[in-house]
Amino acid sequence: MLSTTAAIAVIVVLGAWHLHNRRHAGWQASADGRFYILCGYPLVAVAAYWLTTAPTATAWEWAMGNAWALAAVMSFVAGFTALNGVTAEHARAAVQMETIEPATGSIRF
């Protein structure tokens, strides 16, 4: 019963978090960011499986669950770094395009 409850909880929480993540400014612009974040979801599911099947906190299943959880965290960090990077790059380009050059008083064609 615990594994079923954990599976449902993981699906609900990841689904809600995904809806929140899709609102990030860099979501449409960064394929790498989307890839890493979407890879993190199944890694969380595998980690939750190993952690719920572990009979004790010192069993090898517990260690496997923690390893998969670490991989999921690294995937999410890489994804959000890519999303934030592309957002910052777009902001820099927008500032450069919107900057007005100083007026010289003469019109050149």
N, C-alpha and C. Protein backbone atom coordinates (compact mmCIF):
# COMPACT_ATOMS: atom_id res chain seq x y z
N MET A 1 0.81 -1.19 0.00
CA MET A 1 0.00 0.00 0.00
C MET A 1 0.86 1.27 0.00
N LEU A 2 2.00 1.20 0.67
CA LEU A 2 2.88 2.37 0.72
C LEU A 2 3.42 2.71 -0.67
N SER A 3 3.77 1.70 -1.46
CA SER A 3 4.32 1.97 -2.78
C SER A 3 3.27 2.59 -3.70
N THR A 4 2.02 2.17 -3.58
CA THR A 4 0.95 2.75 -4.38
C THR A 4 0.71 4.20 -3.98
N THR A 5 0.68 4.45 -2.71
CA THR A 5 0.50 5.82 -2.22
C THR A 5 1.66 6.71 -2.65
N ALA A 6 2.85 6.17 -2.55
CA ALA A 6 4.03 6.95 -2.97
C ALA A 6 4.00 7.23 -4.46
N ALA A 7 3.60 6.26 -5.26
CA ALA A 7 3.53 6.45 -6.71
C ALA A 7 2.52 7.53 -7.07
N ILE A 8 1.36 7.48 -6.44
CA ILE A 8 0.33 8.49 -6.71
C ILE A 8 0.82 9.87 -6.27
N ALA A 9 1.45 9.94 -5.12
CA ALA A 9 1.96 11.22 -4.62
C ALA A 9 3.03 11.78 -5.56
N VAL A 10 3.93 10.92 -6.03
CA VAL A 10 4.99 11.37 -6.94
C VAL A 10 4.38 11.89 -8.24
N ILE A 11 3.40 11.20 -8.77
CA ILE A 11 2.77 11.64 -10.03
C ILE A 11 2.06 12.97 -9.84
N VAL A 12 1.32 13.12 -8.76
CA VAL A 12 0.59 14.37 -8.52
C VAL A 12 1.55 15.54 -8.31
N VAL A 13 2.56 15.33 -7.48
CA VAL A 13 3.50 16.42 -7.19
C VAL A 13 4.31 16.79 -8.43
N LEU A 14 4.80 15.80 -9.17
CA LEU A 14 5.57 16.12 -10.38
C LEU A 14 4.69 16.75 -11.45
N GLY A 15 3.44 16.34 -11.54
CA GLY A 15 2.52 16.96 -12.50
C GLY A 15 2.28 18.42 -12.17
N ALA A 16 2.04 18.71 -10.90
CA ALA A 16 1.83 20.10 -10.49
C ALA A 16 3.09 20.93 -10.70
N TRP A 17 4.24 20.35 -10.37
CA TRP A 17 5.49 21.08 -10.54
C TRP A 17 5.79 21.32 -12.01
N HIS A 18 5.42 20.36 -12.88
CA HIS A 18 5.64 20.53 -14.31
C HIS A 18 4.79 21.69 -14.85
N LEU A 19 3.56 21.78 -14.40
CA LEU A 19 2.72 22.90 -14.83
C LEU A 19 3.33 24.23 -14.40
N HIS A 20 3.94 24.25 -13.22
CA HIS A 20 4.62 25.46 -12.76
C HIS A 20 5.88 25.74 -13.59
N ASN A 21 6.65 24.71 -13.89
CA ASN A 21 7.90 24.88 -14.63
C ASN A 21 7.66 25.36 -16.06
N ARG A 22 6.55 24.96 -16.66
CA ARG A 22 6.28 25.38 -18.03
C ARG A 22 6.05 26.88 -18.14
N ARG A 23 5.80 27.53 -17.04
CA ARG A 23 5.61 28.98 -17.05
C ARG A 23 6.93 29.74 -16.98
N HIS A 24 8.04 29.05 -16.88
CA HIS A 24 9.35 29.71 -16.82
C HIS A 24 9.60 30.44 -18.14
N ALA A 25 10.22 31.59 -18.05
CA ALA A 25 10.44 32.43 -19.24
C ALA A 25 11.31 31.75 -20.29
N GLY A 26 12.20 30.87 -19.88
CA GLY A 26 13.08 30.22 -20.84
C GLY A 26 12.59 28.86 -21.32
N TRP A 27 11.39 28.45 -20.94
CA TRP A 27 10.92 27.10 -21.26
C TRP A 27 10.86 26.87 -22.77
N GLN A 28 10.30 27.80 -23.51
CA GLN A 28 10.19 27.62 -24.96
C GLN A 28 11.51 27.86 -25.68
N ALA A 29 12.41 28.58 -25.07
CA ALA A 29 13.65 28.97 -25.75
C ALA A 29 14.80 27.99 -25.55
N SER A 30 14.75 27.16 -24.53
CA SER A 30 15.89 26.30 -24.22
C SER A 30 15.52 24.83 -24.33
N ALA A 31 15.96 24.21 -25.41
CA ALA A 31 15.72 22.77 -25.59
C ALA A 31 16.53 21.96 -24.58
N ASP A 32 17.74 22.42 -24.28
CA ASP A 32 18.57 21.71 -23.28
C ASP A 32 17.91 21.75 -21.90
N GLY A 33 17.39 22.90 -21.52
CA GLY A 33 16.73 23.02 -20.23
C GLY A 33 15.53 22.10 -20.13
N ARG A 34 14.71 22.09 -21.17
CA ARG A 34 13.55 21.19 -21.17
C ARG A 34 13.99 19.74 -21.11
N PHE A 35 15.03 19.38 -21.84
CA PHE A 35 15.51 18.00 -21.85
C PHE A 35 15.95 17.55 -20.47
N TYR A 36 16.77 18.35 -19.81
CA TYR A 36 17.26 17.96 -18.48
C TYR A 36 16.13 17.88 -17.46
N ILE A 37 15.21 18.82 -17.52
CA ILE A 37 14.10 18.80 -16.56
C ILE A 37 13.20 17.60 -16.83
N LEU A 38 12.89 17.34 -18.08
CA LEU A 38 12.04 16.20 -18.41
C LEU A 38 12.74 14.87 -18.10
N CYS A 39 14.06 14.84 -18.13
CA CYS A 39 14.79 13.63 -17.71
C CYS A 39 14.74 13.46 -16.19
N GLY A 40 14.61 14.56 -15.48
CA GLY A 40 14.58 14.49 -14.02
C GLY A 40 13.32 13.85 -13.48
N TYR A 41 12.20 13.97 -14.20
CA TYR A 41 10.95 13.39 -13.71
C TYR A 41 11.01 11.87 -13.56
N PRO A 42 11.43 11.13 -14.58
CA PRO A 42 11.52 9.67 -14.37
C PRO A 42 12.60 9.28 -13.36
N LEU A 43 13.65 10.09 -13.25
CA LEU A 43 14.66 9.80 -12.24
C LEU A 43 14.07 9.90 -10.84
N VAL A 44 13.19 10.86 -10.62
CA VAL A 44 12.51 10.97 -9.32
C VAL A 44 11.62 9.75 -9.08
N ALA A 45 10.93 9.31 -10.12
CA ALA A 45 10.06 8.14 -9.98
C ALA A 45 10.86 6.89 -9.62
N VAL A 46 12.00 6.69 -10.26
CA VAL A 46 12.84 5.53 -9.94
C VAL A 46 13.40 5.65 -8.53
N ALA A 47 13.80 6.84 -8.14
CA ALA A 47 14.31 7.04 -6.79
C ALA A 47 13.23 6.75 -5.75
N ALA A 48 12.02 7.20 -6.02
CA ALA A 48 10.92 6.94 -5.08
C ALA A 48 10.64 5.44 -4.98
N TYR A 49 10.74 4.74 -6.09
CA TYR A 49 10.53 3.29 -6.06
C TYR A 49 11.57 2.61 -5.16
N TRP A 50 12.84 2.94 -5.38
CA TRP A 50 13.89 2.30 -4.59
C TRP A 50 13.79 2.66 -3.11
N LEU A 51 13.42 3.90 -2.84
CA LEU A 51 13.33 4.32 -1.45
C LEU A 51 12.14 3.67 -0.73
N THR A 52 11.05 3.43 -1.45
CA THR A 52 9.90 2.80 -0.80
C THR A 52 10.04 1.29 -0.69
N THR A 53 10.87 0.67 -1.50
CA THR A 53 11.05 -0.78 -1.41
C THR A 53 12.16 -1.17 -0.45
N ALA A 54 12.91 -0.21 0.04
CA ALA A 54 14.01 -0.52 0.96
C ALA A 54 13.45 -0.98 2.31
N PRO A 55 13.90 -2.15 2.79
CA PRO A 55 13.39 -2.62 4.08
C PRO A 55 13.94 -1.82 5.26
N THR A 56 15.17 -1.34 5.14
CA THR A 56 15.77 -0.53 6.20
C THR A 56 16.55 0.61 5.56
N ALA A 57 16.98 1.53 6.40
CA ALA A 57 17.75 2.67 5.89
C ALA A 57 19.21 2.31 5.62
N THR A 58 19.60 1.08 5.92
CA THR A 58 20.97 0.67 5.65
C THR A 58 21.05 -0.37 4.55
N ALA A 59 19.94 -0.67 3.90
CA ALA A 59 19.93 -1.68 2.84
C ALA A 59 20.47 -1.08 1.54
N TRP A 60 20.82 -1.96 0.62
CA TRP A 60 21.36 -1.49 -0.66
C TRP A 60 20.28 -0.79 -1.48
N GLU A 61 19.00 -1.12 -1.28
CA GLU A 61 17.93 -0.44 -1.99
C GLU A 61 17.87 1.04 -1.61
N TRP A 62 18.13 1.31 -0.34
CA TRP A 62 18.15 2.70 0.14
C TRP A 62 19.28 3.48 -0.53
N ALA A 63 20.43 2.84 -0.66
CA ALA A 63 21.56 3.50 -1.33
C ALA A 63 21.25 3.75 -2.80
N MET A 64 20.60 2.79 -3.45
CA MET A 64 20.22 2.98 -4.86
C MET A 64 19.22 4.14 -5.00
N GLY A 65 18.25 4.20 -4.09
CA GLY A 65 17.28 5.29 -4.13
C GLY A 65 17.93 6.65 -3.96
N ASN A 66 18.89 6.72 -3.05
CA ASN A 66 19.60 7.98 -2.86
C ASN A 66 20.44 8.35 -4.07
N ALA A 67 21.03 7.36 -4.72
CA ALA A 67 21.82 7.63 -5.92
C ALA A 67 20.93 8.16 -7.05
N TRP A 68 19.77 7.55 -7.21
CA TRP A 68 18.84 8.02 -8.24
C TRP A 68 18.30 9.41 -7.89
N ALA A 69 18.07 9.67 -6.61
CA ALA A 69 17.61 11.00 -6.19
C ALA A 69 18.68 12.06 -6.47
N LEU A 70 19.93 11.71 -6.24
CA LEU A 70 21.03 12.63 -6.54
C LEU A 70 21.09 12.92 -8.03
N ALA A 71 20.92 11.88 -8.85
CA ALA A 71 20.91 12.08 -10.31
C ALA A 71 19.75 12.98 -10.73
N ALA A 72 18.60 12.82 -10.09
CA ALA A 72 17.45 13.66 -10.41
C ALA A 72 17.72 15.12 -10.04
N VAL A 73 18.30 15.34 -8.89
CA VAL A 73 18.63 16.70 -8.47
C VAL A 73 19.62 17.34 -9.43
N MET A 74 20.63 16.58 -9.83
CA MET A 74 21.62 17.11 -10.77
C MET A 74 20.97 17.44 -12.12
N SER A 75 20.03 16.61 -12.55
CA SER A 75 19.33 16.88 -13.79
C SER A 75 18.49 18.14 -13.70
N PHE A 76 17.78 18.31 -12.59
CA PHE A 76 16.98 19.53 -12.40
C PHE A 76 17.86 20.77 -12.33
N VAL A 77 18.98 20.68 -11.65
CA VAL A 77 19.88 21.83 -11.55
C VAL A 77 20.42 22.21 -12.92
N ALA A 78 20.83 21.21 -13.70
CA ALA A 78 21.33 21.50 -15.04
C ALA A 78 20.23 22.10 -15.91
N GLY A 79 19.02 21.61 -15.76
CA GLY A 79 17.90 22.15 -16.55
C GLY A 79 17.58 23.58 -16.21
N PHE A 80 17.50 23.88 -14.92
CA PHE A 80 17.18 25.26 -14.54
C PHE A 80 18.34 26.20 -14.82
N THR A 81 19.56 25.71 -14.77
CA THR A 81 20.70 26.54 -15.16
C THR A 81 20.60 26.91 -16.63
N ALA A 82 20.23 25.94 -17.47
CA ALA A 82 20.06 26.23 -18.90
C ALA A 82 18.90 27.18 -19.14
N LEU A 83 17.77 26.98 -18.44
CA LEU A 83 16.63 27.89 -18.61
C LEU A 83 16.98 29.31 -18.18
N ASN A 84 17.65 29.45 -17.05
CA ASN A 84 18.03 30.78 -16.58
C ASN A 84 19.08 31.41 -17.49
N GLY A 85 19.98 30.59 -18.03
CA GLY A 85 21.01 31.11 -18.92
C GLY A 85 20.44 31.68 -20.21
N VAL A 86 19.49 30.96 -20.80
CA VAL A 86 18.90 31.45 -22.05
C VAL A 86 18.04 32.68 -21.78
N THR A 87 17.42 32.76 -20.62
CA THR A 87 16.65 33.95 -20.27
C THR A 87 17.57 35.16 -20.12
N ALA A 88 18.70 34.96 -19.46
CA ALA A 88 19.66 36.06 -19.30
C ALA A 88 20.24 36.48 -20.64
N GLU A 89 20.50 35.52 -21.51
CA GLU A 89 21.03 35.84 -22.84
C GLU A 89 20.02 36.65 -23.65
N HIS A 90 18.76 36.27 -23.58
CA HIS A 90 17.73 37.04 -24.29
C HIS A 90 17.60 38.44 -23.70
N ALA A 91 17.74 38.58 -22.40
CA ALA A 91 17.67 39.90 -21.78
C ALA A 91 18.83 40.77 -22.23
N ARG A 92 20.03 40.18 -22.31
CA ARG A 92 21.19 40.96 -22.78
C ARG A 92 20.99 41.42 -24.22
N ALA A 93 20.47 40.54 -25.07
CA ALA A 93 20.23 40.92 -26.47
C ALA A 93 19.16 42.00 -26.56
N ALA A 94 18.12 41.90 -25.73
CA ALA A 94 17.07 42.91 -25.75
C ALA A 94 17.58 44.27 -25.31
N VAL A 95 18.44 44.29 -24.30
CA VAL A 95 19.01 45.56 -23.84
C VAL A 95 19.89 46.17 -24.93
N GLN A 96 20.66 45.37 -25.63
CA GLN A 96 21.51 45.89 -26.69
C GLN A 96 20.68 46.45 -27.84
N MET A 97 19.56 45.80 -28.15
CA MET A 97 18.72 46.30 -29.24
C MET A 97 17.98 47.58 -28.85
N GLU A 98 17.64 47.69 -27.58
CA GLU A 98 16.85 48.84 -27.14
C GLU A 98 17.70 50.04 -26.74
N THR A 99 18.99 49.90 -26.68
CA THR A 99 19.85 51.00 -26.29
C THR A 99 19.89 52.04 -27.41
N ILE A 100 19.67 53.28 -27.04
CA ILE A 100 19.67 54.37 -28.02
C ILE A 100 21.07 54.97 -28.04
N GLU A 101 21.60 55.11 -29.22
CA GLU A 101 22.92 55.72 -29.38
C GLU A 101 22.82 57.22 -29.09
N PRO A 102 23.87 57.79 -28.58
CA PRO A 102 23.84 59.23 -28.31
C PRO A 102 23.64 60.04 -29.60
N ALA A 103 22.84 61.09 -29.49
CA ALA A 103 22.57 61.91 -30.65
C ALA A 103 23.79 62.75 -31.01
N THR A 104 24.09 62.87 -32.27
CA THR A 104 25.24 63.67 -32.72
C THR A 104 24.81 65.02 -33.26
N GLY A 105 23.53 65.23 -33.45
CA GLY A 105 23.07 66.51 -33.97
C GLY A 105 23.05 66.55 -35.47
N SER A 106 23.51 65.52 -36.12
CA SER A 106 23.49 65.51 -37.59
C SER A 106 22.79 64.25 -38.08
N ILE A 107 22.20 64.39 -39.23
CA ILE A 107 21.50 63.24 -39.80
C ILE A 107 22.38 62.67 -40.92
N ARG A 108 22.61 61.39 -40.84
CA ARG A 108 23.43 60.74 -41.87
C ARG A 108 22.58 59.70 -42.57
N PHE A 109 22.79 59.60 -43.86
CA PHE A 109 22.08 58.59 -44.64
C PHE A 109 23.03 57.62 -45.24
